[in-house]
Amino acid sequence: RHLHFYINPERPNNEEAVRVHGLTDEFLSDKPVFGALIDQIIDYCRDAEVIIHNAAFDIGFLNAEFKRLGRGLFTDCIWGVVDSLEMARRDPRISNVLLIPSGLDTPFWAKLQEVRQAILDRLQAVGTD
């Protein structure tokens, strides 16, 4: 299964954020707002263990949006969170790619299969190390 949205943040992006993700205010202006998508997000993520790179950052935003909309917390509807940034810090096969500043450049794509396997190996080892 796959779920992907661009969401209108309902506020201007700062320049640093645009440099990181490339999503301009103009591009996001006609996208749906979070509240219009929350039911689809809940249905997709319910009782799942989600994998998020730099999870604390994203979970903070998700929980704040859920709370703002009177829907509890995002973390209340999922089973758990795996932080791929933390995994990358512990496993050199992952860190060689996921910790590079521009994660979508050529080295990332060249090592994608290796990283995928390293993540799968690490997920299998969760709770055993």
N, C-alpha and C. Protein backbone atom coordinates (compact mmCIF):
# COMPACT_ATOMS: atom_id res chain seq x y z
N ARG A 1 0.84 -1.19 0.00
CA ARG A 1 0.00 0.00 0.00
C ARG A 1 0.87 1.24 0.00
N HIS A 2 0.32 2.29 -0.55
CA HIS A 2 1.07 3.52 -0.70
C HIS A 2 0.13 4.70 -0.48
N LEU A 3 0.59 5.69 0.23
CA LEU A 3 -0.18 6.91 0.45
C LEU A 3 0.76 8.10 0.28
N HIS A 4 0.38 9.04 -0.56
CA HIS A 4 1.22 10.21 -0.78
C HIS A 4 0.34 11.42 -1.02
N PHE A 5 0.62 12.49 -0.28
CA PHE A 5 -0.09 13.75 -0.45
C PHE A 5 0.91 14.90 -0.41
N TYR A 6 0.62 15.95 -1.12
CA TYR A 6 1.20 17.25 -0.84
C TYR A 6 0.12 18.00 -0.09
N ILE A 7 0.49 18.67 0.98
CA ILE A 7 -0.48 19.34 1.84
C ILE A 7 -0.17 20.83 1.90
N ASN A 8 -1.21 21.63 1.75
CA ASN A 8 -1.09 23.08 1.91
C ASN A 8 -0.90 23.36 3.41
N PRO A 9 0.24 23.92 3.81
CA PRO A 9 0.49 24.15 5.24
C PRO A 9 -0.28 25.32 5.83
N GLU A 10 -0.99 26.04 5.00
CA GLU A 10 -1.79 27.19 5.43
C GLU A 10 -0.95 28.29 6.07
N ARG A 11 0.31 28.33 5.71
CA ARG A 11 1.21 29.41 6.14
C ARG A 11 2.40 29.39 5.19
N PRO A 12 3.11 30.49 5.10
CA PRO A 12 4.27 30.53 4.19
C PRO A 12 5.40 29.61 4.66
N ASN A 13 6.08 29.00 3.72
CA ASN A 13 7.29 28.24 4.02
C ASN A 13 8.43 29.21 4.27
N ASN A 14 9.38 28.81 5.11
CA ASN A 14 10.57 29.65 5.23
C ASN A 14 11.59 29.21 4.18
N GLU A 15 12.52 30.10 3.89
CA GLU A 15 13.48 29.85 2.80
C GLU A 15 14.31 28.59 3.03
N GLU A 16 14.71 28.33 4.27
CA GLU A 16 15.51 27.15 4.57
C GLU A 16 14.73 25.88 4.26
N ALA A 17 13.46 25.84 4.64
CA ALA A 17 12.63 24.66 4.36
C ALA A 17 12.51 24.43 2.85
N VAL A 18 12.32 25.49 2.10
CA VAL A 18 12.20 25.35 0.64
C VAL A 18 13.51 24.83 0.06
N ARG A 19 14.67 25.26 0.60
CA ARG A 19 15.96 24.74 0.13
C ARG A 19 16.07 23.24 0.40
N VAL A 20 15.51 22.77 1.50
CA VAL A 20 15.60 21.35 1.86
C VAL A 20 14.67 20.51 1.00
N HIS A 21 13.40 20.90 0.91
CA HIS A 21 12.42 20.04 0.23
C HIS A 21 11.97 20.54 -1.14
N GLY A 22 12.24 21.78 -1.47
CA GLY A 22 11.91 22.30 -2.79
C GLY A 22 10.44 22.61 -3.02
N LEU A 23 9.62 22.54 -1.98
CA LEU A 23 8.19 22.77 -2.14
C LEU A 23 7.87 24.23 -1.87
N THR A 24 7.57 24.96 -2.92
CA THR A 24 7.31 26.39 -2.80
C THR A 24 5.88 26.67 -2.36
N ASP A 25 5.67 27.87 -1.86
CA ASP A 25 4.32 28.29 -1.49
C ASP A 25 3.38 28.22 -2.69
N GLU A 26 3.89 28.63 -3.84
CA GLU A 26 3.08 28.60 -5.06
C GLU A 26 2.64 27.17 -5.38
N PHE A 27 3.56 26.21 -5.32
CA PHE A 27 3.24 24.82 -5.61
C PHE A 27 2.21 24.27 -4.63
N LEU A 28 2.32 24.61 -3.35
CA LEU A 28 1.43 24.06 -2.32
C LEU A 28 0.10 24.80 -2.21
N SER A 29 -0.03 25.94 -2.84
CA SER A 29 -1.21 26.79 -2.65
C SER A 29 -2.53 26.13 -3.05
N ASP A 30 -2.52 25.25 -4.04
CA ASP A 30 -3.77 24.62 -4.46
C ASP A 30 -3.94 23.19 -3.93
N LYS A 31 -3.07 22.80 -3.00
CA LYS A 31 -3.15 21.45 -2.43
C LYS A 31 -4.14 21.44 -1.27
N PRO A 32 -4.69 20.26 -0.94
CA PRO A 32 -5.64 20.19 0.17
C PRO A 32 -4.96 20.49 1.51
N VAL A 33 -5.75 20.98 2.45
CA VAL A 33 -5.24 21.22 3.80
C VAL A 33 -5.30 19.91 4.60
N PHE A 34 -4.57 19.85 5.69
CA PHE A 34 -4.46 18.63 6.48
C PHE A 34 -5.83 18.11 6.92
N GLY A 35 -6.68 19.00 7.37
CA GLY A 35 -8.00 18.59 7.85
C GLY A 35 -8.83 17.85 6.81
N ALA A 36 -8.63 18.16 5.55
CA ALA A 36 -9.36 17.49 4.47
C ALA A 36 -8.85 16.07 4.23
N LEU A 37 -7.66 15.76 4.74
CA LEU A 37 -7.04 14.46 4.48
C LEU A 37 -6.93 13.57 5.72
N ILE A 38 -7.28 14.11 6.88
CA ILE A 38 -7.00 13.40 8.12
C ILE A 38 -7.66 12.02 8.19
N ASP A 39 -8.88 11.88 7.70
CA ASP A 39 -9.54 10.57 7.74
C ASP A 39 -8.81 9.54 6.87
N GLN A 40 -8.31 9.96 5.72
CA GLN A 40 -7.53 9.05 4.87
C GLN A 40 -6.22 8.66 5.55
N ILE A 41 -5.61 9.61 6.23
CA ILE A 41 -4.36 9.34 6.94
C ILE A 41 -4.60 8.35 8.08
N ILE A 42 -5.67 8.57 8.82
CA ILE A 42 -6.00 7.64 9.92
C ILE A 42 -6.29 6.26 9.37
N ASP A 43 -7.12 6.16 8.34
CA ASP A 43 -7.45 4.86 7.77
C ASP A 43 -6.21 4.12 7.29
N TYR A 44 -5.28 4.84 6.69
CA TYR A 44 -4.07 4.23 6.15
C TYR A 44 -3.11 3.78 7.26
N CYS A 45 -2.99 4.58 8.30
CA CYS A 45 -1.99 4.32 9.34
C CYS A 45 -2.52 3.56 10.56
N ARG A 46 -3.82 3.41 10.66
CA ARG A 46 -4.40 2.81 11.87
C ARG A 46 -3.72 1.49 12.22
N ASP A 47 -3.27 1.42 13.48
CA ASP A 47 -2.65 0.23 14.06
C ASP A 47 -1.38 -0.22 13.35
N ALA A 48 -0.79 0.62 12.53
CA ALA A 48 0.44 0.28 11.81
C ALA A 48 1.66 0.73 12.59
N GLU A 49 2.78 0.10 12.31
CA GLU A 49 4.06 0.60 12.74
C GLU A 49 4.60 1.40 11.57
N VAL A 50 4.76 2.70 11.77
CA VAL A 50 5.19 3.57 10.68
C VAL A 50 6.69 3.79 10.74
N ILE A 51 7.30 3.93 9.59
CA ILE A 51 8.73 4.20 9.49
C ILE A 51 8.88 5.62 8.98
N ILE A 52 9.56 6.45 9.79
CA ILE A 52 9.70 7.87 9.48
C ILE A 52 11.15 8.26 9.69
N HIS A 53 11.72 9.00 8.74
CA HIS A 53 13.07 9.51 8.90
C HIS A 53 13.01 10.77 9.74
N ASN A 54 13.75 10.79 10.84
CA ASN A 54 13.72 11.88 11.83
C ASN A 54 12.32 11.99 12.43
N ALA A 55 11.87 10.89 12.98
CA ALA A 55 10.49 10.73 13.44
C ALA A 55 10.05 11.78 14.45
N ALA A 56 10.89 12.15 15.38
CA ALA A 56 10.48 13.11 16.41
C ALA A 56 9.99 14.40 15.77
N PHE A 57 10.65 14.83 14.72
CA PHE A 57 10.26 16.06 14.02
C PHE A 57 8.87 15.90 13.42
N ASP A 58 8.66 14.83 12.63
CA ASP A 58 7.38 14.64 11.95
C ASP A 58 6.25 14.29 12.91
N ILE A 59 6.53 13.45 13.90
CA ILE A 59 5.50 13.08 14.88
C ILE A 59 5.02 14.32 15.63
N GLY A 60 5.93 15.22 15.94
CA GLY A 60 5.53 16.47 16.60
C GLY A 60 4.52 17.25 15.79
N PHE A 61 4.79 17.38 14.49
CA PHE A 61 3.84 18.08 13.61
C PHE A 61 2.52 17.32 13.48
N LEU A 62 2.59 16.02 13.28
CA LEU A 62 1.37 15.22 13.13
C LEU A 62 0.52 15.29 14.39
N ASN A 63 1.13 15.12 15.55
CA ASN A 63 0.38 15.20 16.80
C ASN A 63 -0.25 16.57 16.99
N ALA A 64 0.48 17.63 16.65
CA ALA A 64 -0.06 18.99 16.78
C ALA A 64 -1.26 19.19 15.86
N GLU A 65 -1.19 18.70 14.62
CA GLU A 65 -2.31 18.84 13.69
C GLU A 65 -3.52 18.02 14.15
N PHE A 66 -3.29 16.81 14.60
CA PHE A 66 -4.41 16.00 15.10
C PHE A 66 -5.08 16.71 16.28
N LYS A 67 -4.27 17.21 17.20
CA LYS A 67 -4.80 17.89 18.39
C LYS A 67 -5.57 19.15 17.99
N ARG A 68 -5.01 19.92 17.06
CA ARG A 68 -5.66 21.16 16.59
C ARG A 68 -7.03 20.87 16.01
N LEU A 69 -7.17 19.70 15.38
CA LEU A 69 -8.44 19.33 14.75
C LEU A 69 -9.36 18.55 15.70
N GLY A 70 -8.95 18.42 16.96
CA GLY A 70 -9.78 17.71 17.94
C GLY A 70 -9.83 16.21 17.71
N ARG A 71 -8.78 15.65 17.15
CA ARG A 71 -8.75 14.22 16.81
C ARG A 71 -7.76 13.44 17.67
N GLY A 72 -7.44 13.94 18.85
CA GLY A 72 -6.48 13.26 19.71
C GLY A 72 -5.07 13.48 19.19
N LEU A 73 -4.28 12.42 19.21
CA LEU A 73 -2.91 12.48 18.72
C LEU A 73 -2.71 11.44 17.63
N PHE A 74 -1.84 11.73 16.69
CA PHE A 74 -1.50 10.76 15.66
C PHE A 74 -0.99 9.48 16.29
N THR A 75 -0.18 9.61 17.32
CA THR A 75 0.40 8.44 17.97
C THR A 75 -0.64 7.57 18.67
N ASP A 76 -1.84 8.08 18.88
CA ASP A 76 -2.92 7.27 19.46
C ASP A 76 -3.51 6.29 18.45
N CYS A 77 -3.37 6.56 17.16
CA CYS A 77 -4.00 5.70 16.16
C CYS A 77 -3.03 4.71 15.52
N ILE A 78 -1.75 4.78 15.87
CA ILE A 78 -0.78 3.86 15.28
C ILE A 78 -0.27 2.89 16.34
N TRP A 79 0.38 1.83 15.88
CA TRP A 79 0.93 0.84 16.81
C TRP A 79 2.29 1.28 17.33
N GLY A 80 3.09 1.89 16.47
CA GLY A 80 4.42 2.33 16.87
C GLY A 80 5.14 3.07 15.78
N VAL A 81 6.35 3.52 16.11
CA VAL A 81 7.16 4.30 15.18
C VAL A 81 8.57 3.72 15.13
N VAL A 82 9.09 3.55 13.94
CA VAL A 82 10.50 3.23 13.73
C VAL A 82 11.13 4.46 13.10
N ASP A 83 12.19 4.95 13.72
CA ASP A 83 12.87 6.14 13.22
C ASP A 83 14.07 5.71 12.38
N SER A 84 13.98 5.90 11.07
CA SER A 84 15.07 5.48 10.19
C SER A 84 16.33 6.33 10.40
N LEU A 85 16.20 7.54 10.95
CA LEU A 85 17.39 8.33 11.27
C LEU A 85 18.15 7.66 12.41
N GLU A 86 17.44 7.21 13.44
CA GLU A 86 18.09 6.50 14.53
C GLU A 86 18.72 5.20 14.04
N MET A 87 18.02 4.51 13.15
CA MET A 87 18.58 3.29 12.57
C MET A 87 19.87 3.61 11.82
N ALA A 88 19.86 4.70 11.07
CA ALA A 88 21.04 5.08 10.29
C ALA A 88 22.22 5.40 11.19
N ARG A 89 21.94 5.96 12.34
CA ARG A 89 23.02 6.29 13.27
C ARG A 89 23.66 5.04 13.87
N ARG A 90 22.91 3.94 13.90
CA ARG A 90 23.41 2.70 14.50
C ARG A 90 23.97 1.71 13.49
N ASP A 91 23.59 1.83 12.23
CA ASP A 91 23.97 0.83 11.23
C ASP A 91 24.71 1.50 10.09
N PRO A 92 26.01 1.23 9.93
CA PRO A 92 26.79 1.93 8.90
C PRO A 92 26.30 1.70 7.47
N ARG A 93 25.65 0.56 7.21
CA ARG A 93 25.13 0.34 5.85
C ARG A 93 24.05 1.35 5.52
N ILE A 94 23.29 1.75 6.53
CA ILE A 94 22.24 2.73 6.33
C ILE A 94 22.82 4.14 6.40
N SER A 95 23.69 4.38 7.38
CA SER A 95 24.18 5.74 7.60
C SER A 95 24.98 6.25 6.41
N ASN A 96 25.64 5.38 5.66
CA ASN A 96 26.39 5.82 4.49
C ASN A 96 25.50 6.55 3.49
N VAL A 97 24.22 6.29 3.51
CA VAL A 97 23.31 6.91 2.57
C VAL A 97 22.35 7.87 3.25
N LEU A 98 21.69 7.44 4.32
CA LEU A 98 20.63 8.25 4.91
C LEU A 98 21.13 9.46 5.68
N LEU A 99 22.39 9.49 6.05
CA LEU A 99 22.90 10.64 6.80
C LEU A 99 23.59 11.66 5.91
N ILE A 100 23.63 11.43 4.60
CA ILE A 100 24.23 12.44 3.73
C ILE A 100 23.26 13.62 3.62
N PRO A 101 23.76 14.84 3.57
CA PRO A 101 22.89 16.01 3.59
C PRO A 101 21.86 16.05 2.47
N SER A 102 22.23 15.67 1.27
CA SER A 102 21.28 15.70 0.16
C SER A 102 20.91 14.25 -0.16
N GLY A 103 19.97 13.71 0.58
CA GLY A 103 19.64 12.30 0.52
C GLY A 103 19.11 11.80 -0.81
N LEU A 104 18.79 12.67 -1.75
CA LEU A 104 18.24 12.20 -3.02
C LEU A 104 19.22 12.38 -4.17
N ASP A 105 20.50 12.45 -3.85
CA ASP A 105 21.47 12.58 -4.94
C ASP A 105 21.91 11.21 -5.43
N THR A 106 22.86 11.17 -6.33
CA THR A 106 23.28 9.93 -6.98
C THR A 106 23.72 8.84 -6.01
N PRO A 107 24.52 9.14 -4.96
CA PRO A 107 24.90 8.05 -4.04
C PRO A 107 23.69 7.37 -3.41
N PHE A 108 22.65 8.14 -3.15
CA PHE A 108 21.44 7.53 -2.57
C PHE A 108 20.87 6.48 -3.51
N TRP A 109 20.67 6.85 -4.75
CA TRP A 109 20.07 5.91 -5.70
C TRP A 109 20.98 4.73 -5.99
N ALA A 110 22.27 4.97 -6.02
CA ALA A 110 23.22 3.90 -6.32
C ALA A 110 23.22 2.84 -5.23
N LYS A 111 22.91 3.22 -4.00
CA LYS A 111 22.96 2.28 -2.88
C LYS A 111 21.57 1.90 -2.38
N LEU A 112 20.54 2.19 -3.11
CA LEU A 112 19.18 1.97 -2.62
C LEU A 112 18.92 0.53 -2.20
N GLN A 113 19.33 -0.44 -2.98
CA GLN A 113 19.09 -1.84 -2.62
C GLN A 113 19.82 -2.22 -1.35
N GLU A 114 21.05 -1.76 -1.20
CA GLU A 114 21.82 -2.05 0.01
C GLU A 114 21.13 -1.46 1.24
N VAL A 115 20.66 -0.24 1.13
CA VAL A 115 19.97 0.40 2.25
C VAL A 115 18.66 -0.31 2.55
N ARG A 116 17.93 -0.67 1.51
CA ARG A 116 16.66 -1.39 1.72
C ARG A 116 16.92 -2.66 2.51
N GLN A 117 17.93 -3.42 2.14
CA GLN A 117 18.22 -4.65 2.86
C GLN A 117 18.68 -4.37 4.29
N ALA A 118 19.47 -3.33 4.48
CA ALA A 118 19.92 -2.98 5.82
C ALA A 118 18.75 -2.59 6.71
N ILE A 119 17.80 -1.85 6.15
CA ILE A 119 16.61 -1.48 6.93
C ILE A 119 15.81 -2.73 7.28
N LEU A 120 15.61 -3.62 6.32
CA LEU A 120 14.89 -4.86 6.61
C LEU A 120 15.60 -5.68 7.67
N ASP A 121 16.93 -5.78 7.58
CA ASP A 121 17.70 -6.50 8.60
C ASP A 121 17.51 -5.88 9.97
N ARG A 122 17.56 -4.54 9.99
CA ARG A 122 17.43 -3.83 11.28
C ARG A 122 16.03 -3.99 11.85
N LEU A 123 15.02 -3.95 11.01
CA LEU A 123 13.65 -4.14 11.49
C LEU A 123 13.47 -5.53 12.07
N GLN A 124 14.09 -6.54 11.47
CA GLN A 124 14.00 -7.88 12.01
C GLN A 124 14.69 -8.00 13.35
N ALA A 125 15.69 -7.16 13.59
CA ALA A 125 16.44 -7.23 14.83
C ALA A 125 15.86 -6.35 15.95
N VAL A 126 14.83 -5.54 15.65
CA VAL A 126 14.26 -4.65 16.66
C VAL A 126 13.83 -5.47 17.86
N GLY A 127 14.26 -5.02 19.02
CA GLY A 127 13.91 -5.72 20.25
C GLY A 127 14.85 -6.85 20.61
N THR A 128 15.82 -7.13 19.77
CA THR A 128 16.74 -8.22 20.07
C THR A 128 18.15 -7.74 20.34
N ASP A 129 18.39 -6.41 20.21
CA ASP A 129 19.76 -5.96 20.46
C ASP A 129 19.84 -5.15 21.73
